[in-house]
Amino acid sequence: MKFLKALVPALALVATVSHASDILDHTQAVRDTTKVRQVNYTCATGGRLTVKYGFNEQSQPTYAEAVVGGKNRFMPINLKHSDISGTFFGQEDSYKLFVDALTLGNYHRVGLASIQDPASDTMHKDCRVVSISKIKG
């Protein structure tokens, strides 16, 4: 049953974006976003972290945004690398964020696996949810 609960959101993600490009640009990600949620994490590596996630009308993620390396980093969803096992935000040559398969229905309990800088150095790793906030929608 747990497998089915994870499978359905992942299939919905693939179905809703099957004709989209692999990586949404900033404008498209913001335009598609109808709900925004903020998650505060505490991480085994890198300390505390706050991430804002955008979600579309189908409750699927559109972007992740966090202050990393002293600057605000906007990371649109990367559909090329997102699947049933996890959601990938950002591009290979930029900041990247990895989480388990993420939807509006589970964002409040999904830990953050890692955030990497453009050189693929890990900035934050093994993060657990401390608190959440509803920002929009």
N, C-alpha and C. Protein backbone atom coordinates (compact mmCIF):
# COMPACT_ATOMS: atom_id res chain seq x y z
N MET A 1 0.82 -1.20 0.00
CA MET A 1 0.00 0.00 0.00
C MET A 1 0.86 1.26 0.00
N LYS A 2 1.98 1.25 0.78
CA LYS A 2 2.87 2.40 0.79
C LYS A 2 3.44 2.65 -0.60
N PHE A 3 3.76 1.56 -1.29
CA PHE A 3 4.30 1.68 -2.64
C PHE A 3 3.31 2.38 -3.55
N LEU A 4 2.04 2.01 -3.46
CA LEU A 4 1.00 2.64 -4.29
C LEU A 4 0.85 4.11 -3.96
N LYS A 5 0.96 4.46 -2.68
CA LYS A 5 0.86 5.87 -2.29
C LYS A 5 2.00 6.68 -2.88
N ALA A 6 3.15 6.07 -3.04
CA ALA A 6 4.29 6.75 -3.65
C ALA A 6 4.19 6.73 -5.17
N LEU A 7 3.65 5.67 -5.72
CA LEU A 7 3.57 5.51 -7.17
C LEU A 7 2.59 6.48 -7.81
N VAL A 8 1.44 6.67 -7.22
CA VAL A 8 0.40 7.51 -7.81
C VAL A 8 0.88 8.95 -8.00
N PRO A 9 1.47 9.63 -6.99
CA PRO A 9 1.95 10.99 -7.22
C PRO A 9 3.04 11.06 -8.29
N ALA A 10 3.91 10.07 -8.32
CA ALA A 10 4.97 10.07 -9.32
C ALA A 10 4.40 9.93 -10.73
N LEU A 11 3.44 9.06 -10.90
CA LEU A 11 2.81 8.90 -12.21
C LEU A 11 2.05 10.16 -12.61
N ALA A 12 1.43 10.81 -11.65
CA ALA A 12 0.73 12.07 -11.93
C ALA A 12 1.72 13.13 -12.38
N LEU A 13 2.89 13.16 -11.75
CA LEU A 13 3.92 14.12 -12.15
C LEU A 13 4.33 13.89 -13.59
N VAL A 14 4.58 12.65 -13.94
CA VAL A 14 4.98 12.33 -15.31
C VAL A 14 3.87 12.66 -16.29
N ALA A 15 2.64 12.33 -15.95
CA ALA A 15 1.51 12.57 -16.85
C ALA A 15 1.25 14.05 -17.08
N THR A 16 1.38 14.85 -16.04
CA THR A 16 1.05 16.28 -16.18
C THR A 16 2.12 17.05 -16.92
N VAL A 17 3.32 16.51 -16.99
CA VAL A 17 4.39 17.26 -17.62
C VAL A 17 5.04 16.50 -18.77
N SER A 18 4.39 15.49 -19.29
CA SER A 18 5.00 14.65 -20.31
C SER A 18 5.31 15.40 -21.59
N HIS A 19 4.63 16.49 -21.85
CA HIS A 19 4.90 17.25 -23.06
C HIS A 19 5.68 18.53 -22.78
N ALA A 20 6.13 18.69 -21.56
CA ALA A 20 6.89 19.89 -21.19
C ALA A 20 8.37 19.65 -21.45
N SER A 21 9.15 20.74 -21.43
CA SER A 21 10.59 20.60 -21.56
C SER A 21 11.13 19.97 -20.28
N ASP A 22 12.37 19.51 -20.32
CA ASP A 22 12.95 18.81 -19.18
C ASP A 22 13.09 19.70 -17.95
N ILE A 23 13.42 20.98 -18.15
CA ILE A 23 13.61 21.90 -17.04
C ILE A 23 12.78 23.14 -17.29
N LEU A 24 11.89 23.46 -16.36
CA LEU A 24 11.11 24.69 -16.48
C LEU A 24 12.02 25.88 -16.29
N ASP A 25 11.80 26.96 -17.03
CA ASP A 25 12.55 28.17 -16.74
C ASP A 25 11.86 28.93 -15.61
N HIS A 26 12.51 29.96 -15.11
CA HIS A 26 12.00 30.71 -13.97
C HIS A 26 10.59 31.23 -14.23
N THR A 27 10.38 31.86 -15.37
CA THR A 27 9.09 32.45 -15.70
C THR A 27 7.99 31.40 -15.77
N GLN A 28 8.26 30.29 -16.44
CA GLN A 28 7.27 29.22 -16.57
C GLN A 28 6.96 28.59 -15.22
N ALA A 29 7.98 28.37 -14.41
CA ALA A 29 7.76 27.77 -13.09
C ALA A 29 6.88 28.66 -12.22
N VAL A 30 7.14 29.96 -12.23
CA VAL A 30 6.34 30.90 -11.44
C VAL A 30 4.92 30.97 -11.98
N ARG A 31 4.77 31.01 -13.30
CA ARG A 31 3.45 31.08 -13.93
C ARG A 31 2.60 29.85 -13.62
N ASP A 32 3.22 28.68 -13.58
CA ASP A 32 2.49 27.44 -13.31
C ASP A 32 2.16 27.24 -11.83
N THR A 33 2.78 28.02 -10.97
CA THR A 33 2.62 27.84 -9.52
C THR A 33 1.33 28.46 -9.01
N THR A 34 0.54 27.66 -8.30
CA THR A 34 -0.69 28.16 -7.68
C THR A 34 -0.63 28.09 -6.16
N LYS A 35 0.32 27.31 -5.63
CA LYS A 35 0.46 27.17 -4.18
C LYS A 35 1.95 27.20 -3.82
N VAL A 36 2.27 27.84 -2.69
CA VAL A 36 3.65 27.89 -2.21
C VAL A 36 3.66 27.47 -0.75
N ARG A 37 4.59 26.57 -0.43
CA ARG A 37 4.75 26.11 0.94
C ARG A 37 6.21 26.28 1.36
N GLN A 38 6.41 26.66 2.61
CA GLN A 38 7.75 26.83 3.16
C GLN A 38 8.03 25.71 4.15
N VAL A 39 9.21 25.11 4.04
CA VAL A 39 9.60 24.03 4.93
C VAL A 39 10.92 24.41 5.59
N ASN A 40 10.96 24.34 6.91
CA ASN A 40 12.19 24.56 7.67
C ASN A 40 12.78 23.21 8.02
N TYR A 41 14.06 23.04 7.70
CA TYR A 41 14.76 21.79 7.93
C TYR A 41 15.91 21.99 8.90
N THR A 42 16.30 20.92 9.57
CA THR A 42 17.58 20.86 10.26
C THR A 42 18.35 19.72 9.61
N CYS A 43 19.61 19.99 9.29
CA CYS A 43 20.38 19.05 8.47
C CYS A 43 21.57 18.48 9.23
N ALA A 44 21.92 17.24 8.93
CA ALA A 44 23.09 16.60 9.51
C ALA A 44 24.36 17.32 9.06
N THR A 45 24.36 17.80 7.82
CA THR A 45 25.47 18.57 7.27
C THR A 45 24.92 19.90 6.78
N GLY A 46 25.50 21.01 7.22
CA GLY A 46 25.08 22.32 6.73
C GLY A 46 24.15 23.10 7.63
N GLY A 47 23.70 22.52 8.74
CA GLY A 47 22.86 23.25 9.69
C GLY A 47 21.41 23.39 9.26
N ARG A 48 20.82 24.54 9.62
CA ARG A 48 19.40 24.79 9.31
C ARG A 48 19.23 25.30 7.88
N LEU A 49 18.03 25.05 7.34
CA LEU A 49 17.74 25.45 5.97
C LEU A 49 16.24 25.68 5.82
N THR A 50 15.88 26.73 5.09
CA THR A 50 14.48 27.00 4.77
C THR A 50 14.30 26.92 3.26
N VAL A 51 13.32 26.14 2.82
CA VAL A 51 13.06 25.96 1.39
C VAL A 51 11.60 26.30 1.12
N LYS A 52 11.37 27.09 0.07
CA LYS A 52 10.01 27.33 -0.42
C LYS A 52 9.81 26.44 -1.64
N TYR A 53 8.69 25.72 -1.64
CA TYR A 53 8.34 24.87 -2.78
C TYR A 53 7.10 25.43 -3.45
N GLY A 54 7.13 25.51 -4.78
CA GLY A 54 5.96 25.89 -5.55
C GLY A 54 5.27 24.64 -6.08
N PHE A 55 3.93 24.69 -6.15
CA PHE A 55 3.15 23.57 -6.66
C PHE A 55 2.13 24.08 -7.68
N ASN A 56 1.84 23.27 -8.69
CA ASN A 56 0.86 23.65 -9.71
C ASN A 56 -0.54 23.18 -9.32
N GLU A 57 -1.50 23.38 -10.23
CA GLU A 57 -2.90 23.00 -9.95
C GLU A 57 -3.07 21.50 -9.73
N GLN A 58 -2.16 20.69 -10.26
CA GLN A 58 -2.23 19.24 -10.09
C GLN A 58 -1.50 18.79 -8.82
N SER A 59 -1.09 19.75 -7.98
CA SER A 59 -0.38 19.48 -6.72
C SER A 59 1.01 18.91 -6.93
N GLN A 60 1.59 19.14 -8.10
CA GLN A 60 2.94 18.69 -8.40
C GLN A 60 3.92 19.86 -8.27
N PRO A 61 5.16 19.60 -7.88
CA PRO A 61 6.13 20.67 -7.66
C PRO A 61 6.55 21.36 -8.96
N THR A 62 6.80 22.67 -8.85
CA THR A 62 7.28 23.45 -9.99
C THR A 62 8.66 24.03 -9.74
N TYR A 63 8.97 24.34 -8.48
CA TYR A 63 10.29 24.88 -8.15
C TYR A 63 10.59 24.72 -6.66
N ALA A 64 11.87 24.90 -6.33
CA ALA A 64 12.33 25.00 -4.95
C ALA A 64 13.19 26.25 -4.88
N GLU A 65 13.10 26.96 -3.76
CA GLU A 65 13.86 28.20 -3.59
C GLU A 65 14.43 28.22 -2.18
N ALA A 66 15.74 28.50 -2.06
CA ALA A 66 16.40 28.51 -0.76
C ALA A 66 17.59 29.45 -0.78
N VAL A 67 17.97 29.95 0.38
CA VAL A 67 19.19 30.74 0.51
C VAL A 67 20.32 29.75 0.78
N VAL A 68 21.23 29.67 -0.19
CA VAL A 68 22.36 28.75 -0.10
C VAL A 68 23.61 29.51 -0.54
N GLY A 69 24.68 29.38 0.20
CA GLY A 69 25.90 30.10 -0.15
C GLY A 69 25.73 31.60 -0.07
N GLY A 70 24.83 32.06 0.80
CA GLY A 70 24.62 33.49 1.01
C GLY A 70 23.72 34.17 0.01
N LYS A 71 23.18 33.43 -0.95
CA LYS A 71 22.30 34.02 -1.96
C LYS A 71 21.03 33.20 -2.12
N ASN A 72 19.98 33.87 -2.57
CA ASN A 72 18.73 33.18 -2.86
C ASN A 72 18.89 32.38 -4.15
N ARG A 73 18.60 31.09 -4.08
CA ARG A 73 18.75 30.20 -5.25
C ARG A 73 17.38 29.69 -5.67
N PHE A 74 17.01 29.97 -6.91
CA PHE A 74 15.75 29.50 -7.48
C PHE A 74 16.08 28.29 -8.34
N MET A 75 15.47 27.16 -8.02
CA MET A 75 15.77 25.91 -8.73
C MET A 75 14.48 25.32 -9.29
N PRO A 76 14.22 25.51 -10.59
CA PRO A 76 13.02 24.92 -11.19
C PRO A 76 13.12 23.40 -11.21
N ILE A 77 11.97 22.74 -11.27
CA ILE A 77 11.97 21.28 -11.29
C ILE A 77 12.70 20.80 -12.55
N ASN A 78 13.47 19.74 -12.39
CA ASN A 78 14.18 19.11 -13.49
C ASN A 78 13.49 17.78 -13.76
N LEU A 79 12.66 17.76 -14.78
CA LEU A 79 11.86 16.57 -15.09
C LEU A 79 12.69 15.43 -15.66
N LYS A 80 13.82 15.76 -16.23
CA LYS A 80 14.70 14.74 -16.80
C LYS A 80 15.22 13.79 -15.71
N HIS A 81 15.43 14.33 -14.51
CA HIS A 81 16.00 13.53 -13.43
C HIS A 81 14.99 13.18 -12.33
N SER A 82 13.76 13.67 -12.43
CA SER A 82 12.73 13.37 -11.43
C SER A 82 11.95 12.13 -11.84
N ASP A 83 11.68 11.28 -10.87
CA ASP A 83 10.91 10.07 -11.14
C ASP A 83 10.26 9.57 -9.86
N ILE A 84 9.82 8.33 -9.85
CA ILE A 84 9.13 7.77 -8.69
C ILE A 84 10.00 7.75 -7.44
N SER A 85 11.31 7.69 -7.61
CA SER A 85 12.20 7.60 -6.45
C SER A 85 12.56 8.95 -5.86
N GLY A 86 12.43 10.02 -6.64
CA GLY A 86 12.79 11.32 -6.10
C GLY A 86 12.50 12.47 -7.04
N THR A 87 12.53 13.67 -6.46
CA THR A 87 12.31 14.90 -7.22
C THR A 87 13.60 15.69 -7.22
N PHE A 88 13.98 16.17 -8.40
CA PHE A 88 15.24 16.86 -8.61
C PHE A 88 14.92 18.28 -9.06
N PHE A 89 15.51 19.27 -8.41
CA PHE A 89 15.34 20.67 -8.79
C PHE A 89 16.70 21.22 -9.20
N GLY A 90 16.72 22.10 -10.21
CA GLY A 90 17.95 22.74 -10.65
C GLY A 90 18.55 22.05 -11.86
N GLN A 91 19.72 22.57 -12.26
CA GLN A 91 20.41 22.07 -13.43
C GLN A 91 21.79 21.55 -13.04
N GLU A 92 22.38 20.75 -13.92
CA GLU A 92 23.68 20.16 -13.64
C GLU A 92 24.76 21.21 -13.40
N ASP A 93 24.69 22.35 -14.09
CA ASP A 93 25.72 23.38 -13.98
C ASP A 93 25.36 24.48 -12.99
N SER A 94 24.41 24.21 -12.11
CA SER A 94 23.95 25.20 -11.15
C SER A 94 23.67 24.50 -9.81
N TYR A 95 23.00 25.20 -8.91
CA TYR A 95 22.61 24.58 -7.65
C TYR A 95 21.55 23.52 -7.89
N LYS A 96 21.62 22.42 -7.12
CA LYS A 96 20.71 21.29 -7.29
C LYS A 96 20.17 20.88 -5.92
N LEU A 97 18.89 20.54 -5.88
CA LEU A 97 18.24 20.08 -4.65
C LEU A 97 17.58 18.74 -4.94
N PHE A 98 17.77 17.78 -4.04
CA PHE A 98 17.22 16.43 -4.20
C PHE A 98 16.33 16.10 -3.01
N VAL A 99 15.12 15.62 -3.27
CA VAL A 99 14.21 15.14 -2.21
C VAL A 99 13.56 13.84 -2.69
N ASP A 100 12.98 13.10 -1.74
CA ASP A 100 12.16 11.96 -2.14
C ASP A 100 11.00 12.49 -2.98
N ALA A 101 10.28 11.62 -3.67
CA ALA A 101 9.17 12.04 -4.53
C ALA A 101 8.26 13.00 -3.77
N LEU A 102 8.13 14.22 -4.28
CA LEU A 102 7.47 15.32 -3.57
C LEU A 102 6.16 15.72 -4.24
N THR A 103 5.12 15.92 -3.43
CA THR A 103 3.84 16.46 -3.90
C THR A 103 3.30 17.39 -2.82
N LEU A 104 2.23 18.09 -3.14
CA LEU A 104 1.59 18.95 -2.15
C LEU A 104 1.06 18.13 -0.98
N GLY A 105 0.74 16.88 -1.22
CA GLY A 105 0.20 16.02 -0.18
C GLY A 105 1.23 15.48 0.81
N ASN A 106 2.52 15.52 0.45
CA ASN A 106 3.52 14.94 1.35
C ASN A 106 4.70 15.86 1.68
N TYR A 107 4.72 17.09 1.19
CA TYR A 107 5.87 17.98 1.39
C TYR A 107 6.21 18.16 2.87
N HIS A 108 5.21 18.10 3.73
CA HIS A 108 5.40 18.37 5.15
C HIS A 108 6.09 17.23 5.91
N ARG A 109 6.30 16.10 5.25
CA ARG A 109 6.98 14.99 5.93
C ARG A 109 8.14 14.40 5.13
N VAL A 110 8.43 14.96 3.97
CA VAL A 110 9.51 14.44 3.13
C VAL A 110 10.81 15.15 3.49
N GLY A 111 11.80 14.37 3.89
CA GLY A 111 13.11 14.93 4.19
C GLY A 111 13.85 15.34 2.93
N LEU A 112 14.78 16.25 3.10
CA LEU A 112 15.59 16.72 1.98
C LEU A 112 16.88 15.91 1.96
N ALA A 113 17.19 15.30 0.84
CA ALA A 113 18.39 14.47 0.74
C ALA A 113 19.65 15.33 0.70
N SER A 114 19.69 16.32 -0.22
CA SER A 114 20.87 17.18 -0.29
C SER A 114 20.65 18.38 -1.19
N ILE A 115 21.51 19.38 -0.99
CA ILE A 115 21.65 20.51 -1.91
C ILE A 115 23.12 20.56 -2.28
N GLN A 116 23.39 20.66 -3.58
CA GLN A 116 24.77 20.73 -4.07
C GLN A 116 24.99 22.03 -4.82
N ASP A 117 26.23 22.53 -4.74
CA ASP A 117 26.59 23.74 -5.49
C ASP A 117 26.96 23.35 -6.92
N PRO A 118 27.28 24.34 -7.78
CA PRO A 118 27.59 24.01 -9.18
C PRO A 118 28.77 23.05 -9.36
N ALA A 119 29.68 23.00 -8.38
CA ALA A 119 30.82 22.08 -8.46
C ALA A 119 30.47 20.71 -7.87
N SER A 120 29.19 20.50 -7.55
CA SER A 120 28.68 19.26 -6.96
C SER A 120 29.18 19.00 -5.55
N ASP A 121 29.61 20.06 -4.85
CA ASP A 121 29.95 19.95 -3.44
C ASP A 121 28.65 20.02 -2.64
N THR A 122 28.52 19.19 -1.63
CA THR A 122 27.30 19.14 -0.83
C THR A 122 27.27 20.29 0.16
N MET A 123 26.21 21.10 0.09
CA MET A 123 26.04 22.24 0.99
C MET A 123 25.18 21.85 2.20
N HIS A 124 24.15 21.05 1.97
CA HIS A 124 23.26 20.54 3.02
C HIS A 124 22.96 19.09 2.70
N LYS A 125 22.85 18.26 3.75
CA LYS A 125 22.62 16.84 3.53
C LYS A 125 21.82 16.25 4.69
N ASP A 126 21.00 15.26 4.37
CA ASP A 126 20.20 14.52 5.37
C ASP A 126 19.42 15.47 6.27
N CYS A 127 18.48 16.18 5.66
CA CYS A 127 17.69 17.19 6.38
C CYS A 127 16.31 16.64 6.75
N ARG A 128 15.88 16.94 7.96
CA ARG A 128 14.55 16.52 8.40
C ARG A 128 13.68 17.74 8.63
N VAL A 129 12.39 17.57 8.42
CA VAL A 129 11.43 18.66 8.56
C VAL A 129 11.30 19.04 10.04
N VAL A 130 11.39 20.37 10.30
CA VAL A 130 11.19 20.90 11.64
C VAL A 130 9.83 21.58 11.73
N SER A 131 9.51 22.39 10.72
CA SER A 131 8.22 23.09 10.70
C SER A 131 7.86 23.45 9.27
N ILE A 132 6.58 23.80 9.06
CA ILE A 132 6.09 24.17 7.73
C ILE A 132 5.21 25.40 7.83
N SER A 133 5.07 26.12 6.71
CA SER A 133 4.19 27.29 6.63
C SER A 133 3.52 27.32 5.27
N LYS A 134 2.28 27.75 5.25
CA LYS A 134 1.54 27.94 4.01
C LYS A 134 1.76 29.40 3.59
N ILE A 135 2.38 29.62 2.42
CA ILE A 135 2.70 30.96 1.95
C ILE A 135 1.62 31.48 0.99
N LYS A 136 1.19 30.64 0.06
CA LYS A 136 0.22 31.04 -0.95
C LYS A 136 -0.67 29.85 -1.29
N GLY A 137 -1.96 30.13 -1.51
CA GLY A 137 -2.90 29.11 -1.96
C GLY A 137 -3.27 28.18 -0.88
